[in-house]
Amino acid sequence: MDRYAAIWTRTATGPLKMGDLVVTERETRFSYTEEFLDSKNPSGLSLLSSPKLYARNPIVFQTRQSFPLHPRLMQYIPGHGRGNIQRRLYTKILEKRANPAAPGFETDWEILLLAGRNGIGHLDIFRDDRAALEWYERPPREAIGNTERSTFWQSIRDDISQDILEMDAEKIAQLLGPTPSAGGMIPKLLVAIPDQQNWNGEFASAGMRELKGQAYRDVILKIEPVEYNGVVALESLCLDVHRELGFSVPKHWVASVDGMQLLAIERFDRDATGVPLPMESLYSVFATGDRQFNGNEDTDLEAVGTRLEKLSTVVNLDHRKARREIFQRFCLAFCTGNGDMHLENLSFLGGPDKVNLAPVYDPSPMRAWPQHNIRSAIPINFEGKNLAENFIRVGTAFGLSRKASAEMLQETLDATASFMARVMELPNVPSTRKQLLVDILTKERGDLQ
């Protein structure tokens, strides 16, 4: 069965239809509209599917394992993980239909049409143009009152911890707006919060710019689940460490609401006026450009450097700067216990005319949990007993000399010398988690010396 959708985007002058989408069992086919081509907007469906490259020719992506849709569109479907609140909400809504969608891709497709706007990046996906125009005319949902907000957080807490949902799924969906949450193991919401130094848990639907004279800003809101008790404090610390070392890091807030620890991180895929900016993970870009790519295991860390250099031949990317920074991020991730820096935790920000690495996000030291105690989510061959030599080899694959690689590793070790002591001082992290992380880092740092 063929499926159809319309893809729009928001620009400084208002909503603009980008193109029409047709999905079959064999391929995704997308065509830009004449209006979008006439606008000279350089940022289209994805970094490697730009209007400059394709113009009036259709973009055809052949279906393959793991990708029943174009990879960029796959990232707008809420993930299947237990912590993905949107998937659970919209699955409940679909179950109430007279003819519920069949499990599998049919359900994914219907969720995409229900929730595929205002997500990460600049694409908005609709069933048709009429649905698009109706949505753009609808104002963002205002912030809710204290009583309703408390009930909301209580129901979310119960849903996460006990697999029940006391509030009506459609009511929560209305509060949050039709927005796909980001993936990962930690439950996330895309909302707007008051632009204040301190945050008390108040929020509005994503896209709210101002309410009763108070400025709002869009954030990714992370909710700490019971099984990852302490992750909010640890991630907040790691964001601070990255900022201290000169990385581009979004502003963030920590709050406690109804016994839940919350971390709000400012969205950087929006400009100062709220217009969406193109943002796409390395995972999506590699999958678009390489027919043999089906997952993280289909590349390794050293090959990432080569892929970035090749990418710079078709988009305006300073690959030398990008490769150096990714290697530096990897060194810092290793020195802080973040073995979860995978290809969906690294993204490009901007269109093909000028693209850079997105700011740092998801730097949590997940090695504090035994089930996540791995050195690197992106495959790397740790050969022999000399761990430092492995890092130097990776550095050379990212365009650095052996001397520069060794110096960057040592600089990172020196700059994070106090990290373990800072971890042990965190009051909202269980002592077992802190001690495990410190023990792992003590051994790894010793092996790097």
Protein backbone atom coordinates (compact mmCIF):
# COMPACT_ATOMS: atom_id res chain seq x y z
CA MET A 1 0.00 0.00 0.00
CA ASP A 2 1.32 3.44 -0.94
CA ARG A 3 1.35 6.10 1.76
CA TYR A 4 1.33 9.87 1.27
CA ALA A 5 2.35 12.86 3.37
CA ALA A 6 3.23 16.52 3.02
CA ILE A 7 6.43 18.01 4.44
CA TRP A 8 6.51 21.65 5.44
CA THR A 9 9.01 23.90 7.20
CA ARG A 10 8.85 27.18 9.09
CA THR A 11 10.85 30.12 7.77
CA ALA A 12 11.38 33.72 8.86
CA THR A 13 8.46 34.74 6.61
CA GLY A 14 6.08 31.96 7.67
CA PRO A 15 5.26 28.31 6.94
CA LEU A 16 6.37 26.96 3.56
CA LYS A 17 5.54 23.65 1.94
CA MET A 18 8.77 21.85 1.15
CA GLY A 19 7.46 18.89 -0.83
CA ASP A 20 5.34 15.77 -1.24
CA LEU A 21 6.23 12.34 0.12
CA VAL A 22 5.25 8.92 -1.23
CA VAL A 23 6.25 5.77 0.68
CA THR A 24 5.94 2.26 -0.72
CA GLU A 25 7.25 -1.06 0.50
CA ARG A 26 10.28 -0.61 -1.75
CA GLU A 27 11.18 3.07 -1.54
CA THR A 28 10.68 6.58 -0.17
CA ARG A 29 10.10 9.16 -2.91
CA PHE A 30 10.16 12.89 -2.21
CA SER A 31 9.78 15.85 -4.59
CA TYR A 32 10.33 19.53 -3.82
CA THR A 33 7.55 21.98 -4.63
CA GLU A 34 8.11 24.78 -7.12
CA GLU A 35 7.38 27.29 -4.36
CA PHE A 36 10.13 25.85 -2.17
CA LEU A 37 12.65 25.78 -5.05
CA ASP A 38 11.78 29.39 -5.90
CA SER A 39 12.46 30.40 -2.27
CA LYS A 40 16.16 29.47 -2.74
CA ASN A 41 16.15 27.86 0.70
CA PRO A 42 19.33 25.75 0.72
CA SER A 43 18.14 23.39 3.47
CA GLY A 44 15.85 20.66 2.23
CA LEU A 45 14.89 17.17 3.30
CA SER A 46 18.34 16.33 4.65
CA LEU A 47 21.98 17.30 4.38
CA LEU A 48 22.58 14.92 1.47
CA SER A 49 19.15 15.47 -0.14
CA SER A 50 19.28 19.21 -0.68
CA PRO A 51 17.37 21.17 -3.34
CA LYS A 52 20.69 22.19 -4.87
CA LEU A 53 21.58 18.54 -5.46
CA TYR A 54 18.15 17.37 -6.66
CA ALA A 55 16.19 20.43 -7.81
CA ARG A 56 13.12 19.09 -9.68
CA ASN A 57 14.33 15.49 -9.68
CA PRO A 58 12.71 13.19 -7.10
CA ILE A 59 14.75 12.00 -4.13
CA VAL A 60 14.47 8.22 -4.07
CA PHE A 61 15.66 6.19 -1.09
CA GLN A 62 15.49 2.43 -1.50
CA THR A 63 14.08 0.61 1.54
CA ARG A 64 16.57 -1.58 3.36
CA GLN A 65 17.09 -3.24 6.71
CA SER A 66 16.40 -0.79 9.57
CA PHE A 67 15.19 1.94 7.18
CA PRO A 68 11.62 1.56 5.84
CA LEU A 69 11.78 5.36 5.40
CA HIS A 70 14.44 7.87 4.41
CA PRO A 71 16.81 7.98 7.44
CA ARG A 72 16.07 11.64 8.15
CA LEU A 73 12.35 10.86 8.49
CA MET A 74 12.99 7.83 10.68
CA GLN A 75 14.29 10.20 13.34
CA TYR A 76 10.85 11.83 13.58
CA ILE A 77 9.21 8.58 14.67
CA PRO A 78 9.21 8.29 18.50
CA GLY A 79 11.49 5.44 19.50
CA HIS A 80 10.40 2.05 20.80
CA GLY A 81 12.23 2.32 24.10
CA ARG A 82 10.20 1.98 27.30
CA GLY A 83 11.13 5.53 28.27
CA ASN A 84 9.66 7.15 25.17
CA ILE A 85 6.57 8.91 26.49
CA GLN A 86 5.24 10.05 23.10
CA ARG A 87 5.22 6.56 21.65
CA ARG A 88 3.26 5.26 24.60
CA LEU A 89 0.79 8.14 24.45
CA TYR A 90 0.12 7.93 20.74
CA THR A 91 -0.04 4.15 20.80
CA LYS A 92 -2.83 4.43 23.37
CA ILE A 93 -4.62 6.99 21.17
CA LEU A 94 -4.36 4.73 18.12
CA GLU A 95 -5.70 1.77 20.09
CA LYS A 96 -8.97 3.68 20.64
CA ARG A 97 -9.66 4.04 16.93
CA ALA A 98 -12.40 1.96 15.34
CA ASN A 99 -9.77 0.46 13.03
CA PRO A 100 -6.48 0.60 14.95
CA ALA A 101 -3.25 0.49 13.01
CA ALA A 102 -1.52 -2.87 12.69
CA PRO A 103 1.66 -3.39 14.73
CA GLY A 104 4.91 -2.53 13.00
CA PHE A 105 5.44 0.08 10.32
CA GLU A 106 1.75 0.90 9.97
CA THR A 107 1.69 2.03 13.59
CA ASP A 108 4.96 3.92 13.13
CA TRP A 109 3.52 5.72 10.13
CA GLU A 110 0.34 6.76 11.93
CA ILE A 111 2.35 8.01 14.92
CA LEU A 112 4.56 9.99 12.53
CA LEU A 113 1.48 11.71 11.07
CA LEU A 114 0.11 12.42 14.55
CA ALA A 115 3.34 13.66 16.15
CA GLY A 116 5.75 14.62 13.37
CA ARG A 117 6.03 18.37 13.87
CA ASN A 118 8.08 20.75 15.94
CA GLY A 119 10.60 17.98 16.50
CA ILE A 120 14.38 18.22 16.36
CA GLY A 121 15.38 20.06 13.20
CA HIS A 122 13.32 21.98 10.65
CA LEU A 123 10.88 19.44 9.15
CA ASP A 124 7.15 19.28 9.92
CA ILE A 125 5.27 16.21 8.60
CA PHE A 126 1.52 16.13 7.97
CA ARG A 127 -1.10 13.86 6.49
CA ASP A 128 -1.95 16.56 3.93
CA ASP A 129 -1.71 20.31 3.30
CA ARG A 130 -5.01 21.01 5.03
CA ALA A 131 -3.72 19.47 8.27
CA ALA A 132 -0.57 21.59 7.93
CA LEU A 133 -2.43 24.87 7.54
CA GLU A 134 -4.73 24.07 10.46
CA TRP A 135 -1.76 23.30 12.70
CA TYR A 136 0.19 26.46 11.83
CA GLU A 137 -2.88 28.57 12.64
CA ARG A 138 -3.18 26.99 16.08
CA PRO A 139 -1.38 28.89 18.89
CA PRO A 140 0.94 26.98 21.26
CA ARG A 141 -0.75 25.52 24.32
CA GLU A 142 -0.41 27.92 27.24
CA ALA A 143 1.26 26.96 30.47
CA ILE A 144 -0.98 24.96 32.77
CA GLY A 145 -1.95 25.81 36.32
CA ASN A 146 -0.27 24.51 39.45
CA THR A 147 -2.92 21.88 40.23
CA GLU A 148 -3.10 20.55 36.69
CA ARG A 149 0.69 20.64 36.39
CA SER A 150 1.09 18.65 39.60
CA THR A 151 -1.40 16.05 38.34
CA PHE A 152 0.50 15.87 35.07
CA TRP A 153 3.87 15.26 36.72
CA GLN A 154 2.31 12.71 39.07
CA SER A 155 0.85 10.76 36.16
CA ILE A 156 4.11 10.91 34.22
CA ARG A 157 5.98 9.64 37.29
CA ASP A 158 3.56 6.76 37.72
CA ASP A 159 3.70 5.94 34.03
CA ILE A 160 7.49 5.75 34.06
CA SER A 161 7.81 3.79 37.29
CA GLN A 162 4.74 1.53 37.25
CA ASP A 163 3.63 1.20 33.61
CA ILE A 164 0.26 2.81 34.29
CA LEU A 165 -1.23 6.02 32.98
CA GLU A 166 -3.82 7.72 35.18
CA MET A 167 -4.35 10.77 33.01
CA ASP A 168 -6.10 10.47 29.67
CA ALA A 169 -3.57 9.92 26.87
CA GLU A 170 -5.25 12.46 24.60
CA LYS A 171 -5.18 15.09 27.36
CA ILE A 172 -1.45 14.68 27.86
CA ALA A 173 -0.92 14.73 24.09
CA GLN A 174 -2.77 18.06 23.96
CA LEU A 175 -0.56 19.45 26.72
CA LEU A 176 2.63 18.41 24.98
CA GLY A 177 1.58 19.14 21.41
CA PRO A 178 2.15 16.85 18.41
CA THR A 179 5.88 16.67 18.96
CA PRO A 180 8.12 13.60 18.67
CA SER A 181 10.44 13.24 21.63
CA ALA A 182 14.13 12.61 21.20
CA GLY A 183 15.32 9.02 21.50
CA GLY A 184 17.41 7.37 24.17
CA MET A 185 17.02 5.51 27.46
CA ILE A 186 15.94 8.55 29.50
CA PRO A 187 12.34 9.80 29.04
CA LYS A 188 12.32 13.14 27.21
CA LEU A 189 9.75 15.79 26.33
CA LEU A 190 10.03 18.76 23.98
CA VAL A 191 8.39 21.75 25.73
CA ALA A 192 8.97 25.44 26.49
CA ILE A 193 9.81 26.83 29.94
CA PRO A 194 9.99 30.37 31.37
CA ASP A 195 13.29 32.07 30.52
CA GLN A 196 14.40 32.55 34.10
CA GLN A 197 17.50 31.70 36.10
CA ASN A 198 15.56 29.32 38.34
CA TRP A 199 12.92 26.94 37.03
CA ASN A 200 10.13 25.40 39.13
CA GLY A 201 8.67 22.87 36.69
CA GLU A 202 6.29 25.22 34.88
CA PHE A 203 6.05 24.58 31.15
CA ALA A 204 4.07 25.27 27.99
CA SER A 205 3.90 23.40 24.70
CA ALA A 206 6.93 23.66 22.43
CA GLY A 207 7.01 26.82 20.37
CA MET A 208 5.66 29.19 23.03
CA ARG A 209 7.67 32.42 22.78
CA GLU A 210 5.99 34.63 25.37
CA LEU A 211 3.18 34.34 27.92
CA LYS A 212 1.81 37.18 30.07
CA GLY A 213 4.93 39.23 29.44
CA GLN A 214 7.30 36.38 30.37
CA ALA A 215 9.68 35.11 27.69
CA TYR A 216 9.77 31.34 27.14
CA ARG A 217 12.40 29.18 25.47
CA ASP A 218 12.22 25.71 23.95
CA VAL A 219 13.96 22.92 25.83
CA ILE A 220 14.48 19.20 25.83
CA LEU A 221 13.16 18.06 29.18
CA LYS A 222 14.68 14.90 30.65
CA ILE A 223 12.91 13.02 33.42
CA GLU A 224 15.02 10.86 35.69
CA PRO A 225 13.62 7.31 35.95
CA VAL A 226 14.02 5.23 39.07
CA GLU A 227 16.43 2.81 37.42
CA TYR A 228 18.78 5.69 36.56
CA ASN A 229 18.66 7.47 39.90
CA GLY A 230 21.35 10.17 39.82
CA VAL A 231 21.64 10.57 36.05
CA VAL A 232 20.33 14.16 36.07
CA ALA A 233 23.00 15.36 38.50
CA LEU A 234 25.72 13.46 36.62
CA GLU A 235 24.71 14.84 33.23
CA SER A 236 24.46 18.35 34.62
CA LEU A 237 28.02 18.03 35.94
CA CYS A 238 29.28 16.76 32.59
CA LEU A 239 27.61 19.66 30.76
CA ASP A 240 29.42 22.02 33.14
CA VAL A 241 32.75 20.27 32.51
CA HIS A 242 32.36 20.52 28.73
CA ARG A 243 31.56 24.23 29.00
CA GLU A 244 34.56 24.82 31.25
CA LEU A 245 36.80 23.22 28.62
CA GLY A 246 35.55 25.51 25.87
CA PHE A 247 32.98 23.34 24.08
CA SER A 248 29.73 24.80 22.79
CA VAL A 249 27.18 23.65 25.38
CA PRO A 250 23.50 24.62 25.71
CA LYS A 251 22.17 26.30 28.82
CA HIS A 252 20.49 23.91 31.25
CA TRP A 253 18.34 23.91 34.39
CA VAL A 254 17.81 21.31 37.12
CA ALA A 255 14.59 21.09 39.12
CA SER A 256 12.79 18.68 41.45
CA VAL A 257 9.03 18.32 40.93
CA ASP A 258 6.84 15.88 42.86
CA GLY A 259 9.90 13.86 43.82
CA MET A 260 11.23 13.65 40.25
CA GLN A 261 14.58 15.06 39.15
CA LEU A 262 14.27 17.04 35.91
CA LEU A 263 16.91 18.40 33.55
CA ALA A 264 15.85 21.05 31.02
CA ILE A 265 18.33 21.67 28.20
CA GLU A 266 17.92 24.62 25.87
CA ARG A 267 17.23 23.59 22.29
CA PHE A 268 19.86 24.85 19.87
CA ASP A 269 17.97 23.83 16.72
CA ARG A 270 16.08 27.15 16.91
CA ASP A 271 17.39 30.65 16.16
CA ALA A 272 16.78 33.68 18.38
CA THR A 273 13.35 34.23 16.85
CA GLY A 274 12.27 30.59 17.14
CA VAL A 275 12.76 29.65 13.48
CA PRO A 276 13.90 25.99 13.23
CA LEU A 277 17.43 25.21 12.10
CA PRO A 278 18.37 22.04 10.21
CA MET A 279 19.86 19.46 12.57
CA GLU A 280 20.68 15.90 11.61
CA SER A 281 22.64 13.17 13.37
CA LEU A 282 25.78 11.63 11.93
CA TYR A 283 23.83 8.37 11.99
CA SER A 284 21.20 9.74 9.61
CA VAL A 285 23.74 11.35 7.27
CA PHE A 286 25.88 8.22 7.03
CA ALA A 287 22.82 6.05 6.41
CA THR A 288 21.65 8.40 3.63
CA GLY A 289 25.00 8.41 1.84
CA ASP A 290 26.02 4.76 2.29
CA ARG A 291 23.76 1.98 1.04
CA GLN A 292 25.67 -0.54 3.16
CA PHE A 293 25.06 1.35 6.40
CA ASN A 294 22.39 -0.21 8.64
CA GLY A 295 23.55 0.70 12.13
CA ASN A 296 26.36 1.80 14.44
CA GLU A 297 28.14 -1.47 13.87
CA ASP A 298 28.59 -0.70 10.15
CA THR A 299 31.36 1.79 10.84
CA ASP A 300 34.05 2.31 13.45
CA LEU A 301 35.45 5.39 15.14
CA GLU A 302 38.49 5.62 12.89
CA ALA A 303 36.30 5.48 9.76
CA VAL A 304 34.20 8.40 11.02
CA GLY A 305 37.13 10.72 10.28
CA THR A 306 37.27 9.53 6.67
CA ARG A 307 33.51 9.89 6.26
CA LEU A 308 33.68 13.50 7.46
CA GLU A 309 36.37 14.32 4.94
CA LYS A 310 34.29 12.84 2.12
CA LEU A 311 31.21 14.72 3.30
CA SER A 312 33.06 18.03 2.98
CA THR A 313 33.27 17.51 -0.79
CA VAL A 314 29.47 17.92 -1.16
CA VAL A 315 28.57 20.30 1.71
CA ASN A 316 30.29 23.32 3.19
CA LEU A 317 31.89 21.63 6.21
CA ASP A 318 35.26 22.44 7.74
CA HIS A 319 36.18 18.77 8.12
CA ARG A 320 39.52 19.51 9.80
CA LYS A 321 37.81 21.45 12.58
CA ALA A 322 35.00 18.87 12.86
CA ARG A 323 37.37 15.90 13.02
CA ARG A 324 39.56 17.54 15.63
CA GLU A 325 36.57 18.36 17.83
CA ILE A 326 35.05 14.88 17.61
CA PHE A 327 38.36 13.35 18.67
CA GLN A 328 38.54 15.84 21.54
CA ARG A 329 34.97 14.96 22.54
CA PHE A 330 35.87 11.29 22.49
CA CYS A 331 38.85 11.89 24.79
CA LEU A 332 36.66 13.82 27.20
CA ALA A 333 33.88 11.21 27.05
CA PHE A 334 36.40 8.52 27.95
CA CYS A 335 37.80 10.56 30.83
CA THR A 336 34.33 11.19 32.29
CA GLY A 337 32.86 7.71 31.90
CA ASN A 338 30.59 8.42 28.92
CA GLY A 339 30.77 5.25 26.85
CA ASP A 340 27.48 6.17 25.17
CA MET A 341 28.79 8.76 22.67
CA HIS A 342 27.25 7.09 19.62
CA LEU A 343 26.40 8.40 16.14
CA GLU A 344 22.98 9.69 17.25
CA ASN A 345 24.64 11.69 20.03
CA LEU A 346 26.70 13.59 17.43
CA SER A 347 24.90 15.87 15.00
CA PHE A 348 25.34 18.49 12.32
CA LEU A 349 23.70 21.89 12.70
CA GLY A 350 22.93 23.99 9.64
CA GLY A 351 22.27 23.38 5.98
CA PRO A 352 24.57 22.28 3.16
CA ASP A 353 25.68 25.86 2.48
CA LYS A 354 27.24 26.08 5.96
CA VAL A 355 27.21 23.21 8.44
CA ASN A 356 29.01 22.67 11.74
CA LEU A 357 28.98 20.18 14.57
CA ALA A 358 26.03 20.75 16.86
CA PRO A 359 26.78 21.68 20.49
CA VAL A 360 27.43 18.93 23.01
CA TYR A 361 24.39 16.96 24.19
CA ASP A 362 23.76 13.72 26.11
CA PRO A 363 27.21 13.58 27.79
CA SER A 364 25.99 11.46 30.73
CA PRO A 365 28.65 9.18 32.31
CA MET A 366 26.57 6.05 31.75
CA ARG A 367 29.42 3.75 32.85
CA ALA A 368 28.13 4.40 36.38
CA TRP A 369 25.52 1.73 35.54
CA PRO A 370 26.97 -1.78 35.00
CA GLN A 371 24.77 -2.54 31.99
CA HIS A 372 26.26 0.48 30.20
CA ASN A 373 29.87 -0.05 31.19
CA ILE A 374 31.48 0.03 27.75
CA ARG A 375 34.40 2.11 26.58
CA SER A 376 32.84 3.29 23.33
CA ALA A 377 29.41 2.89 21.69
CA ILE A 378 31.07 3.59 18.33
CA PRO A 379 33.18 0.48 17.62
CA ILE A 380 36.90 0.89 18.17
CA ASN A 381 39.59 -1.77 18.16
CA PHE A 382 41.42 -1.48 21.48
CA GLU A 383 44.52 -3.46 20.54
CA GLY A 384 47.21 -4.64 22.90
CA LYS A 385 47.91 -3.35 26.39
CA ASN A 386 48.91 0.22 25.54
CA LEU A 387 45.64 2.12 25.80
CA ALA A 388 47.22 5.50 25.04
CA GLU A 389 48.56 4.13 21.75
CA ASN A 390 45.02 3.23 20.73
CA PHE A 391 43.94 6.82 21.29
CA ILE A 392 46.86 8.15 19.28
CA ARG A 393 45.92 5.83 16.41
CA VAL A 394 42.36 7.14 16.44
CA GLY A 395 43.64 10.72 16.54
CA THR A 396 45.70 10.19 13.39
CA ALA A 397 42.58 8.82 11.66
CA PHE A 398 40.96 12.16 12.50
CA GLY A 399 43.73 14.11 10.79
CA LEU A 400 45.95 14.86 13.79
CA SER A 401 49.63 14.05 14.03
CA ARG A 402 50.78 11.51 16.59
CA LYS A 403 52.24 14.35 18.65
CA ALA A 404 49.03 16.40 18.54
CA SER A 405 46.92 13.33 19.41
CA ALA A 406 49.07 12.52 22.44
CA GLU A 407 49.03 16.16 23.59
CA MET A 408 45.23 16.40 23.30
CA LEU A 409 44.79 13.21 25.31
CA GLN A 410 47.15 14.47 28.04
CA GLU A 411 45.47 17.89 28.12
CA THR A 412 42.11 16.18 28.62
CA LEU A 413 43.47 14.00 31.41
CA ASP A 414 44.93 17.07 33.15
CA ALA A 415 41.73 19.10 32.70
CA THR A 416 39.59 16.35 34.26
CA ALA A 417 41.89 15.57 37.18
CA SER A 418 39.28 16.86 39.65
CA PHE A 419 36.30 15.18 37.96
CA MET A 420 36.17 12.15 40.25
CA ALA A 421 36.23 14.32 43.37
CA ARG A 422 33.38 16.41 41.92
CA VAL A 423 31.39 13.23 41.29
CA MET A 424 31.81 12.09 44.89
CA GLU A 425 30.50 15.48 46.12
CA LEU A 426 27.17 15.18 44.27
CA PRO A 427 24.37 14.84 46.85
CA ASN A 428 21.66 13.44 44.54
CA VAL A 429 23.58 10.42 43.22
CA PRO A 430 23.57 7.06 45.05
CA SER A 431 26.93 6.26 46.60
CA THR A 432 27.12 2.93 44.77
CA ARG A 433 26.81 4.72 41.41
CA LYS A 434 29.44 7.28 42.34
CA GLN A 435 31.87 4.71 43.63
CA LEU A 436 31.51 2.44 40.59
CA LEU A 437 32.14 5.35 38.21
CA VAL A 438 35.16 6.54 40.18
CA ASP A 439 36.62 3.02 40.35
CA ILE A 440 36.26 2.59 36.57
CA LEU A 441 37.80 5.98 35.81
CA THR A 442 40.66 5.44 38.26
CA LYS A 443 41.66 2.26 36.47
CA GLU A 444 41.19 3.68 32.96
CA ARG A 445 43.16 6.82 33.75
CA GLY A 446 45.93 4.70 35.20
CA ASP A 447 46.07 2.67 31.99
CA LEU A 448 46.34 5.86 29.95
CA GLN A 449 49.35 7.21 31.82
